Amino acid sequence: MAKQNCWEYKKCGREPGGSRVGELGVCPSATEKRLTGTHGGVSAGRACWVVGGTFCGGKVQGSYAQKLANCMECAFYHSIRADEGQHFQPAPELLRRLR
């Protein structure tokens, strides 16, 4: 079974070609190629918490530092942690790949 990306899990419609792109734009996690393959996802679809500008909780989120608290409470984040277990890649490692 293929691993779900955040836009599939959240059904936000912000993936390229998604139903809400005209209204909200394409989500940066759906186009962040430097994280392709992370936790088995497409672009940053399974590492969205380290990408600024994602759309969560009904609004566009800011930088990693600004949105971290919200992401740590997100069911999708917790599902990735559980799915990946000891192979979960910590935020500092992912952020290094974004520099």
N, C-alpha and C. Protein backbone atom coordinates (compact mmCIF):
# COMPACT_ATOMS: atom_id res chain seq x y z
N MET A 1 0.84 -1.19 0.00
CA MET A 1 0.00 0.00 0.00
C MET A 1 0.88 1.24 0.00
N ALA A 2 0.57 2.20 -0.84
CA ALA A 2 1.33 3.44 -0.93
C ALA A 2 1.11 4.28 0.33
N LYS A 3 2.16 4.96 0.73
CA LYS A 3 2.07 5.84 1.90
C LYS A 3 1.39 7.14 1.48
N GLN A 4 0.51 7.63 2.34
CA GLN A 4 -0.22 8.86 2.05
C GLN A 4 0.66 10.09 2.29
N ASN A 5 0.51 11.07 1.40
CA ASN A 5 1.10 12.38 1.60
C ASN A 5 0.11 13.23 2.37
N CYS A 6 0.59 14.34 2.92
CA CYS A 6 -0.26 15.18 3.76
C CYS A 6 -1.52 15.65 3.04
N TRP A 7 -1.40 16.04 1.76
CA TRP A 7 -2.56 16.55 1.04
C TRP A 7 -3.60 15.45 0.82
N GLU A 8 -3.16 14.21 0.76
CA GLU A 8 -4.11 13.09 0.64
C GLU A 8 -4.79 12.84 1.98
N TYR A 9 -4.00 12.86 3.03
CA TYR A 9 -4.51 12.63 4.38
C TYR A 9 -5.48 13.74 4.80
N LYS A 10 -5.07 14.99 4.56
CA LYS A 10 -5.87 16.15 4.99
C LYS A 10 -6.97 16.53 4.00
N LYS A 11 -6.84 16.03 2.75
CA LYS A 11 -7.82 16.36 1.69
C LYS A 11 -7.99 17.88 1.54
N CYS A 12 -6.85 18.58 1.51
CA CYS A 12 -6.87 20.05 1.45
C CYS A 12 -7.05 20.58 0.03
N GLY A 13 -6.74 19.77 -1.00
CA GLY A 13 -6.90 20.21 -2.38
C GLY A 13 -5.82 21.16 -2.86
N ARG A 14 -4.68 21.23 -2.14
CA ARG A 14 -3.62 22.16 -2.53
C ARG A 14 -2.47 21.48 -3.27
N GLU A 15 -2.59 20.22 -3.63
CA GLU A 15 -1.57 19.56 -4.44
C GLU A 15 -1.69 20.06 -5.87
N PRO A 16 -0.63 19.96 -6.69
CA PRO A 16 -0.75 20.40 -8.08
C PRO A 16 -1.97 19.75 -8.74
N GLY A 17 -2.83 20.58 -9.33
CA GLY A 17 -4.06 20.09 -9.95
C GLY A 17 -5.19 19.88 -8.97
N GLY A 18 -4.97 20.19 -7.71
CA GLY A 18 -5.97 19.98 -6.67
C GLY A 18 -7.17 20.92 -6.78
N SER A 19 -8.24 20.56 -6.10
CA SER A 19 -9.50 21.26 -6.21
C SER A 19 -9.49 22.68 -5.63
N ARG A 20 -8.53 22.99 -4.75
CA ARG A 20 -8.52 24.31 -4.12
C ARG A 20 -7.30 25.15 -4.51
N VAL A 21 -6.56 24.73 -5.52
CA VAL A 21 -5.37 25.47 -5.95
C VAL A 21 -5.73 26.88 -6.41
N GLY A 22 -6.82 27.04 -7.14
CA GLY A 22 -7.23 28.36 -7.62
C GLY A 22 -7.52 29.31 -6.48
N GLU A 23 -8.04 28.78 -5.40
CA GLU A 23 -8.43 29.59 -4.24
C GLU A 23 -7.26 29.83 -3.30
N LEU A 24 -6.44 28.79 -3.05
CA LEU A 24 -5.42 28.86 -2.01
C LEU A 24 -3.99 28.72 -2.50
N GLY A 25 -3.81 28.35 -3.76
CA GLY A 25 -2.48 28.13 -4.31
C GLY A 25 -1.98 26.73 -4.03
N VAL A 26 -0.90 26.37 -4.70
CA VAL A 26 -0.28 25.06 -4.50
C VAL A 26 0.51 25.10 -3.19
N CYS A 27 0.37 24.08 -2.40
CA CYS A 27 1.07 24.00 -1.11
C CYS A 27 2.57 23.81 -1.33
N PRO A 28 3.39 24.53 -0.58
CA PRO A 28 4.84 24.37 -0.71
C PRO A 28 5.32 22.94 -0.42
N SER A 29 4.64 22.21 0.42
CA SER A 29 5.09 20.84 0.70
C SER A 29 4.87 19.92 -0.51
N ALA A 30 3.93 20.29 -1.37
CA ALA A 30 3.67 19.49 -2.57
C ALA A 30 4.68 19.76 -3.69
N THR A 31 5.49 20.80 -3.53
CA THR A 31 6.47 21.14 -4.57
C THR A 31 7.90 21.17 -4.06
N GLU A 32 8.12 20.88 -2.77
CA GLU A 32 9.46 20.94 -2.18
C GLU A 32 10.23 19.67 -2.52
N LYS A 33 10.92 19.71 -3.65
CA LYS A 33 11.59 18.52 -4.19
C LYS A 33 12.80 18.06 -3.37
N ARG A 34 13.39 18.95 -2.57
CA ARG A 34 14.57 18.55 -1.79
C ARG A 34 14.24 17.49 -0.74
N LEU A 35 12.97 17.30 -0.45
CA LEU A 35 12.58 16.29 0.54
C LEU A 35 11.87 15.09 -0.11
N THR A 36 11.94 15.00 -1.43
CA THR A 36 11.34 13.87 -2.14
C THR A 36 11.89 12.55 -1.58
N GLY A 37 11.00 11.64 -1.28
CA GLY A 37 11.39 10.34 -0.75
C GLY A 37 11.44 10.26 0.76
N THR A 38 11.41 11.40 1.43
CA THR A 38 11.44 11.40 2.89
C THR A 38 10.22 10.66 3.42
N HIS A 39 10.46 9.67 4.24
CA HIS A 39 9.41 8.83 4.83
C HIS A 39 8.53 8.19 3.75
N GLY A 40 9.07 8.05 2.53
CA GLY A 40 8.33 7.41 1.45
C GLY A 40 7.35 8.32 0.74
N GLY A 41 7.49 9.63 0.91
CA GLY A 41 6.54 10.57 0.33
C GLY A 41 6.99 11.21 -0.97
N VAL A 42 6.05 11.91 -1.58
CA VAL A 42 6.29 12.71 -2.78
C VAL A 42 6.61 14.13 -2.32
N SER A 43 7.66 14.73 -2.87
CA SER A 43 8.11 16.06 -2.46
C SER A 43 8.24 16.05 -0.93
N ALA A 44 7.61 17.01 -0.23
CA ALA A 44 7.67 17.02 1.24
C ALA A 44 6.35 16.55 1.83
N GLY A 45 5.65 15.70 1.10
CA GLY A 45 4.32 15.24 1.52
C GLY A 45 4.29 14.42 2.79
N ARG A 46 5.44 13.93 3.24
CA ARG A 46 5.50 13.20 4.51
C ARG A 46 6.54 13.84 5.43
N ALA A 47 6.76 15.15 5.21
CA ALA A 47 7.64 15.94 6.08
C ALA A 47 7.16 17.39 6.07
N CYS A 48 5.87 17.60 5.95
CA CYS A 48 5.28 18.93 5.78
C CYS A 48 5.56 19.87 6.95
N TRP A 49 5.80 19.32 8.13
CA TRP A 49 6.01 20.15 9.32
C TRP A 49 7.28 21.00 9.25
N VAL A 50 8.20 20.69 8.38
CA VAL A 50 9.42 21.50 8.27
C VAL A 50 9.35 22.50 7.11
N VAL A 51 8.22 22.55 6.41
CA VAL A 51 8.08 23.45 5.26
C VAL A 51 7.14 24.60 5.63
N GLY A 52 7.63 25.83 5.48
CA GLY A 52 6.80 27.00 5.75
C GLY A 52 5.73 27.18 4.70
N GLY A 53 4.62 27.83 5.09
CA GLY A 53 3.58 28.17 4.13
C GLY A 53 2.55 27.09 3.86
N THR A 54 2.56 26.01 4.64
CA THR A 54 1.54 24.98 4.44
C THR A 54 0.20 25.51 4.97
N PHE A 55 -0.88 24.89 4.56
CA PHE A 55 -2.22 25.32 4.94
C PHE A 55 -2.78 24.32 5.94
N CYS A 56 -2.86 24.72 7.18
CA CYS A 56 -3.35 23.83 8.24
C CYS A 56 -4.24 24.62 9.18
N GLY A 57 -5.21 23.95 9.73
CA GLY A 57 -6.10 24.61 10.69
C GLY A 57 -6.86 25.78 10.08
N GLY A 58 -7.12 25.72 8.78
CA GLY A 58 -7.91 26.75 8.14
C GLY A 58 -7.15 27.99 7.74
N LYS A 59 -5.82 27.98 7.88
CA LYS A 59 -5.05 29.16 7.47
C LYS A 59 -3.64 28.76 7.05
N VAL A 60 -3.03 29.65 6.28
CA VAL A 60 -1.65 29.42 5.85
C VAL A 60 -0.74 29.61 7.06
N GLN A 61 0.14 28.65 7.25
CA GLN A 61 1.06 28.67 8.38
C GLN A 61 2.34 29.40 7.99
N GLY A 62 3.09 29.84 8.97
CA GLY A 62 4.34 30.56 8.72
C GLY A 62 5.53 29.64 8.61
N SER A 63 6.64 30.09 9.13
CA SER A 63 7.90 29.34 9.08
C SER A 63 7.82 28.11 9.99
N TYR A 64 8.85 27.29 9.89
CA TYR A 64 8.94 26.10 10.74
C TYR A 64 8.79 26.48 12.22
N ALA A 65 9.54 27.48 12.65
CA ALA A 65 9.51 27.89 14.06
C ALA A 65 8.12 28.37 14.47
N GLN A 66 7.44 29.08 13.58
CA GLN A 66 6.12 29.62 13.89
C GLN A 66 5.04 28.55 13.96
N LYS A 67 5.19 27.49 13.19
CA LYS A 67 4.12 26.50 13.10
C LYS A 67 4.40 25.22 13.88
N LEU A 68 5.58 25.09 14.43
CA LEU A 68 6.00 23.85 15.07
C LEU A 68 5.02 23.34 16.12
N ALA A 69 4.54 24.20 16.99
CA ALA A 69 3.62 23.76 18.05
C ALA A 69 2.36 23.14 17.47
N ASN A 70 1.81 23.76 16.43
CA ASN A 70 0.61 23.20 15.78
C ASN A 70 0.90 21.85 15.17
N CYS A 71 2.05 21.73 14.51
CA CYS A 71 2.40 20.49 13.83
C CYS A 71 2.59 19.34 14.82
N MET A 72 3.15 19.64 15.98
CA MET A 72 3.39 18.59 16.97
C MET A 72 2.08 18.02 17.53
N GLU A 73 0.98 18.73 17.31
CA GLU A 73 -0.34 18.26 17.75
C GLU A 73 -1.13 17.61 16.62
N CYS A 74 -0.58 17.62 15.41
CA CYS A 74 -1.29 17.15 14.22
C CYS A 74 -1.35 15.62 14.16
N ALA A 75 -2.52 15.10 13.85
CA ALA A 75 -2.71 13.65 13.73
C ALA A 75 -1.85 13.07 12.61
N PHE A 76 -1.67 13.82 11.52
CA PHE A 76 -0.84 13.33 10.41
C PHE A 76 0.61 13.19 10.87
N TYR A 77 1.14 14.18 11.56
CA TYR A 77 2.51 14.11 12.09
C TYR A 77 2.67 12.87 12.97
N HIS A 78 1.72 12.65 13.86
CA HIS A 78 1.80 11.49 14.75
C HIS A 78 1.70 10.17 13.98
N SER A 79 0.93 10.16 12.90
CA SER A 79 0.83 8.93 12.10
C SER A 79 2.16 8.64 11.40
N ILE A 80 2.86 9.67 10.95
CA ILE A 80 4.17 9.47 10.32
C ILE A 80 5.16 8.94 11.35
N ARG A 81 5.17 9.54 12.53
CA ARG A 81 6.07 9.07 13.60
C ARG A 81 5.83 7.59 13.89
N ALA A 82 4.57 7.22 13.97
CA ALA A 82 4.23 5.82 14.27
C ALA A 82 4.60 4.91 13.10
N ASP A 83 4.28 5.33 11.87
CA ASP A 83 4.59 4.52 10.68
C ASP A 83 6.09 4.27 10.53
N GLU A 84 6.88 5.31 10.76
CA GLU A 84 8.32 5.24 10.50
C GLU A 84 9.12 4.66 11.65
N GLY A 85 8.60 4.74 12.86
CA GLY A 85 9.30 4.17 14.02
C GLY A 85 10.74 4.66 14.11
N GLN A 86 11.68 3.73 14.19
CA GLN A 86 13.09 4.08 14.34
C GLN A 86 13.67 4.74 13.08
N HIS A 87 12.95 4.70 11.97
CA HIS A 87 13.42 5.31 10.73
C HIS A 87 12.91 6.74 10.55
N PHE A 88 12.17 7.24 11.55
CA PHE A 88 11.67 8.61 11.49
C PHE A 88 12.85 9.58 11.44
N GLN A 89 12.83 10.49 10.46
CA GLN A 89 13.91 11.46 10.31
C GLN A 89 13.57 12.73 11.11
N PRO A 90 14.40 13.09 12.06
CA PRO A 90 14.11 14.25 12.91
C PRO A 90 14.19 15.57 12.14
N ALA A 91 13.49 16.57 12.65
CA ALA A 91 13.41 17.88 12.00
C ALA A 91 14.78 18.50 11.71
N PRO A 92 15.74 18.48 12.62
CA PRO A 92 17.03 19.11 12.29
C PRO A 92 17.68 18.51 11.04
N GLU A 93 17.55 17.22 10.87
CA GLU A 93 18.10 16.55 9.68
C GLU A 93 17.38 17.02 8.41
N LEU A 94 16.06 17.13 8.49
CA LEU A 94 15.28 17.57 7.34
C LEU A 94 15.56 19.04 7.01
N LEU A 95 15.66 19.86 8.04
CA LEU A 95 15.94 21.28 7.83
C LEU A 95 17.29 21.49 7.16
N ARG A 96 18.26 20.67 7.50
CA ARG A 96 19.58 20.76 6.84
C ARG A 96 19.46 20.53 5.34
N ARG A 97 18.58 19.62 4.96
CA ARG A 97 18.38 19.34 3.53
C ARG A 97 17.70 20.51 2.81
N LEU A 98 17.04 21.39 3.55
CA LEU A 98 16.35 22.53 2.95
C LEU A 98 17.26 23.75 2.84
N ARG A 99 18.44 23.71 3.40
CA ARG A 99 19.34 24.87 3.33
C ARG A 99 20.05 24.95 2.02
